[in-house]
N, C-alpha and C. Protein backbone atom coordinates (compact mmCIF):
# COMPACT_ATOMS: atom_id res chain seq x y z
N MET A 1 108.85 80.04 43.75
CA MET A 1 108.30 79.38 44.90
C MET A 1 107.34 78.32 44.47
N LYS A 2 107.57 76.99 44.59
CA LYS A 2 106.94 75.94 44.20
C LYS A 2 105.70 75.63 45.43
N LEU A 3 104.61 75.08 44.67
CA LEU A 3 103.47 75.04 45.64
C LEU A 3 103.47 73.36 45.82
N ASP A 4 103.46 72.99 46.91
CA ASP A 4 103.09 71.46 47.37
C ASP A 4 101.23 71.22 46.63
N ALA A 5 101.26 70.54 45.78
CA ALA A 5 100.16 70.34 45.00
C ALA A 5 99.08 69.79 45.79
N THR A 6 99.62 68.14 46.58
CA THR A 6 98.76 67.90 47.32
C THR A 6 98.29 68.46 48.68
N ASN A 7 99.08 69.73 49.25
CA ASN A 7 98.68 70.18 50.24
C ASN A 7 97.57 71.34 50.01
N PHE A 8 98.14 71.72 48.55
CA PHE A 8 97.20 73.08 47.89
C PHE A 8 95.45 72.21 47.87
N GLY A 9 95.70 71.16 47.47
CA GLY A 9 94.52 70.02 47.00
C GLY A 9 93.55 70.26 48.48
N ASN A 10 94.54 69.22 49.49
CA ASN A 10 93.80 69.41 50.46
C ASN A 10 92.88 70.39 51.20
N ALA A 11 94.04 71.76 51.17
CA ALA A 11 93.34 73.04 51.74
C ALA A 11 92.20 73.24 50.91
N GLY A 12 92.23 73.32 49.81
CA GLY A 12 90.82 73.61 49.10
C GLY A 12 89.76 72.70 49.21
N ALA A 13 89.68 71.27 49.32
CA ALA A 13 88.92 70.40 49.47
C ALA A 13 88.61 70.41 50.87
N LEU A 14 89.28 70.74 52.01
CA LEU A 14 88.75 70.93 53.34
C LEU A 14 87.80 72.17 53.38
N ALA A 15 88.23 73.57 52.43
CA ALA A 15 87.36 74.71 52.47
C ALA A 15 86.43 74.46 52.14
N ILE A 16 86.29 73.73 51.14
CA ILE A 16 84.97 73.38 50.29
C ILE A 16 84.08 72.71 51.04
N GLY A 17 84.64 71.59 51.71
CA GLY A 17 84.07 71.06 52.43
C GLY A 17 83.25 71.67 53.42
N ILE A 18 83.57 72.76 54.37
CA ILE A 18 83.05 73.28 55.41
C ILE A 18 82.11 73.96 54.51
N LEU A 19 82.40 74.81 53.46
CA LEU A 19 81.30 75.63 52.85
C LEU A 19 80.14 74.87 52.55
N TRP A 20 80.53 73.52 51.86
CA TRP A 20 79.27 72.89 51.62
C TRP A 20 78.00 72.77 53.06
N ILE A 21 78.58 72.44 54.11
CA ILE A 21 78.17 71.96 55.36
C ILE A 21 77.28 73.50 55.64
N VAL A 22 77.98 74.25 55.77
CA VAL A 22 77.52 75.61 55.89
C VAL A 22 76.13 76.05 55.22
N CYS A 23 76.28 75.89 53.99
CA CYS A 23 75.94 75.96 52.87
C CYS A 23 74.03 74.89 53.06
N THR A 24 74.67 73.90 53.13
CA THR A 24 73.49 72.76 53.37
C THR A 24 72.60 73.32 54.61
N SER A 25 73.14 73.58 55.53
CA SER A 25 72.44 74.28 57.14
C SER A 25 71.76 75.31 56.56
N PHE A 26 72.36 76.13 55.67
CA PHE A 26 71.20 77.62 55.70
C PHE A 26 70.03 76.89 54.70
N PHE A 27 70.38 76.15 53.94
CA PHE A 27 69.31 75.60 53.35
C PHE A 27 67.92 74.72 54.07
N ILE A 28 68.70 74.44 55.25
CA ILE A 28 67.87 73.15 56.27
C ILE A 28 66.75 74.13 56.70
N PHE A 29 67.85 74.98 57.32
CA PHE A 29 67.14 76.17 58.59
C PHE A 29 66.60 77.24 57.63
N PHE A 30 66.63 77.72 56.67
CA PHE A 30 66.36 78.93 55.95
C PHE A 30 65.98 78.76 54.48
N PRO A 31 65.24 78.00 54.24
CA PRO A 31 65.35 76.91 52.93
C PRO A 31 64.44 78.50 51.97
N GLU A 32 63.41 79.07 52.33
CA GLU A 32 63.14 80.03 51.74
C GLU A 32 64.09 81.59 51.19
N LEU A 33 64.46 81.87 52.71
CA LEU A 33 65.67 82.73 52.33
C LEU A 33 66.95 82.11 51.31
N SER A 34 67.00 81.39 51.80
CA SER A 34 68.32 80.36 50.85
C SER A 34 68.15 80.71 49.31
N LEU A 35 66.85 80.14 49.03
CA LEU A 35 66.26 80.18 47.68
C LEU A 35 66.41 81.55 47.00
N LYS A 36 65.85 82.60 47.78
CA LYS A 36 65.54 83.82 47.19
C LYS A 36 67.24 84.56 47.31
N MET A 37 68.29 84.33 48.00
CA MET A 37 69.63 84.67 47.80
C MET A 37 70.52 83.97 46.72
N SER A 38 70.12 82.54 46.26
CA SER A 38 70.59 81.75 45.39
C SER A 38 69.89 82.52 44.07
N GLY A 39 68.68 82.28 43.94
CA GLY A 39 68.17 83.05 42.95
C GLY A 39 68.28 84.41 42.58
N SER A 40 68.79 85.78 43.29
CA SER A 40 69.65 86.63 43.19
C SER A 40 71.07 86.56 42.40
N ALA A 41 71.57 85.82 43.27
CA ALA A 41 73.14 85.82 42.84
C ALA A 41 73.38 84.98 41.37
N LEU A 42 71.83 84.10 40.65
CA LEU A 42 72.13 83.93 39.56
C LEU A 42 71.07 84.33 38.74
N HIS A 43 70.52 85.38 39.10
CA HIS A 43 70.07 86.30 38.28
C HIS A 43 68.54 85.22 37.83
N LEU A 44 67.63 84.72 39.03
CA LEU A 44 66.90 83.58 38.28
C LEU A 44 65.41 83.55 39.45
N THR A 45 64.40 83.64 38.64
CA THR A 45 63.19 83.65 39.91
C THR A 45 63.18 81.83 40.38
N MET A 46 63.58 81.56 41.73
CA MET A 46 63.56 80.32 41.92
C MET A 46 62.56 79.64 42.81
N THR A 47 61.26 79.75 42.34
CA THR A 47 60.16 79.61 43.07
C THR A 47 59.64 78.14 42.89
N ASP A 48 59.61 77.87 41.76
CA ASP A 48 59.30 76.12 41.51
C ASP A 48 60.19 75.14 41.57
N ILE A 49 61.45 75.02 42.28
CA ILE A 49 62.11 74.56 42.80
C ILE A 49 62.41 73.64 43.81
N THR A 50 61.96 72.03 43.66
CA THR A 50 62.01 71.02 44.67
C THR A 50 63.77 71.19 45.31
N LEU A 51 63.72 70.91 46.75
CA LEU A 51 65.17 70.75 47.21
C LEU A 51 64.90 69.16 47.77
N ASP A 52 66.03 69.00 47.65
CA ASP A 52 66.64 67.49 47.91
C ASP A 52 67.26 67.65 49.50
N LEU A 53 66.77 67.67 50.31
CA LEU A 53 67.67 67.65 51.54
C LEU A 53 67.81 66.67 52.36
N SER A 54 67.90 65.28 51.56
CA SER A 54 68.24 64.11 52.29
C SER A 54 69.89 63.80 52.76
N MET A 55 69.92 63.10 53.66
CA MET A 55 71.45 62.45 54.13
C MET A 55 72.05 62.14 52.39
N LYS A 56 71.34 61.52 51.83
CA LYS A 56 72.05 60.93 50.38
C LYS A 56 72.54 62.02 49.52
N ALA A 57 71.60 63.04 49.17
CA ALA A 57 72.15 64.28 48.30
C ALA A 57 73.05 64.96 49.28
N PHE A 58 73.05 65.03 50.46
CA PHE A 58 74.29 65.84 51.21
C PHE A 58 75.40 65.14 51.10
N VAL A 59 75.57 63.90 51.20
CA VAL A 59 76.63 63.39 51.18
C VAL A 59 77.20 63.15 49.67
N MET A 60 76.39 62.88 48.85
CA MET A 60 76.71 62.97 47.38
C MET A 60 77.12 64.29 47.11
N GLY A 61 76.83 65.23 47.47
CA GLY A 61 77.00 66.36 46.94
C GLY A 61 78.40 67.01 47.28
N LEU A 62 78.69 66.27 49.22
CA LEU A 62 79.98 66.43 49.54
C LEU A 62 81.06 66.05 48.81
N ILE A 63 80.84 64.51 48.67
CA ILE A 63 82.07 64.10 47.97
C ILE A 63 82.11 64.70 46.65
N CYS A 64 81.18 65.12 45.77
CA CYS A 64 81.46 65.58 44.44
C CYS A 64 82.27 66.99 44.56
N TRP A 65 81.78 67.87 45.65
CA TRP A 65 82.33 69.04 45.40
C TRP A 65 83.78 68.97 46.07
N VAL A 66 84.00 67.95 46.97
CA VAL A 66 85.47 67.73 47.35
C VAL A 66 86.46 67.44 46.61
N THR A 67 85.54 66.10 46.05
CA THR A 67 86.55 65.83 44.95
C THR A 67 86.92 66.32 43.88
N THR A 68 86.06 67.37 43.50
CA THR A 68 86.42 67.97 42.41
C THR A 68 87.42 69.12 42.50
N THR A 69 87.11 69.82 43.67
CA THR A 69 87.96 70.83 44.30
C THR A 69 89.62 70.22 44.47
N TRP A 70 89.29 69.12 44.91
CA TRP A 70 90.78 68.60 44.98
C TRP A 70 91.56 68.42 43.79
N ILE A 71 90.94 67.59 42.94
CA ILE A 71 91.39 67.47 41.41
C ILE A 71 91.97 68.50 40.80
N THR A 72 90.93 69.58 40.83
CA THR A 72 91.27 71.03 40.14
C THR A 72 92.27 71.86 40.70
N LEU A 73 92.35 71.70 42.09
CA LEU A 73 93.55 72.73 42.83
C LEU A 73 95.06 71.96 42.73
N TRP A 74 94.99 70.20 42.83
CA TRP A 74 96.26 69.91 42.50
C TRP A 74 96.63 70.10 41.02
N LEU A 75 95.63 69.90 39.94
CA LEU A 75 95.72 70.20 38.63
C LEU A 75 96.69 71.68 38.46
N ILE A 76 95.87 72.72 39.17
CA ILE A 76 96.56 74.02 38.93
C ILE A 76 98.19 74.13 39.82
N ALA A 77 98.24 73.43 40.41
CA ALA A 77 99.31 73.61 41.28
C ALA A 77 100.54 72.83 40.81
N THR A 78 100.05 71.73 40.04
CA THR A 78 101.16 71.08 39.34
C THR A 78 101.63 71.86 37.91
N ILE A 79 100.51 72.60 37.46
CA ILE A 79 100.88 72.96 36.22
C ILE A 79 101.79 74.30 36.60
N TYR A 80 101.47 75.03 37.81
CA TYR A 80 102.02 76.22 37.88
C TYR A 80 103.48 75.90 38.21
N ASN A 81 103.82 74.57 38.91
CA ASN A 81 105.09 74.44 39.50
C ASN A 81 105.76 74.30 38.21
N ARG A 82 105.15 73.40 37.01
CA ARG A 82 105.98 73.35 35.54
C ARG A 82 106.26 74.35 34.74
N LEU A 83 104.86 75.55 35.17
CA LEU A 83 105.56 77.07 34.08
C LEU A 83 106.51 77.84 35.09
N ILE A 84 106.87 77.72 36.45
CA ILE A 84 107.87 78.44 36.36
C ILE A 84 109.34 78.25 36.64
N PRO A 85 109.91 79.20 36.47
CA PRO A 85 111.32 78.54 35.89
C PRO A 85 112.07 78.53 36.88
N SER A 86 112.82 76.99 36.66
CA SER A 86 113.56 76.52 37.63
C SER A 86 114.71 77.44 38.04
N LYS A 87 115.50 77.04 39.78
CA LYS A 87 116.31 78.12 39.69
C LYS A 87 117.75 77.62 39.48
N GLU A 88 117.70 76.47 38.61
CA GLU A 88 119.01 75.99 38.08
C GLU A 88 119.56 76.21 36.94
N SER A 89 118.40 77.05 36.37
CA SER A 89 118.99 77.56 34.65
C SER A 89 119.65 78.92 35.16
């Protein structure tokens, strides 16, 4: 079964965009808890970190994550489609 690379990229980009909005919302409304959870996940003490919660940082992060995710998933689907054997063989 071949994957539609564009739809695969679109689905992943949409999902990561939603997660970015949720994650940013957590940092806006619960900054201390969010830093503590992030620190635990990364095995770091994140006490001296300055958060940039400006609209510019939010939009730039959203653009970077959505674009990188779309390109990555499109590339994965394209490579996958070329690796699977065709039914004509």
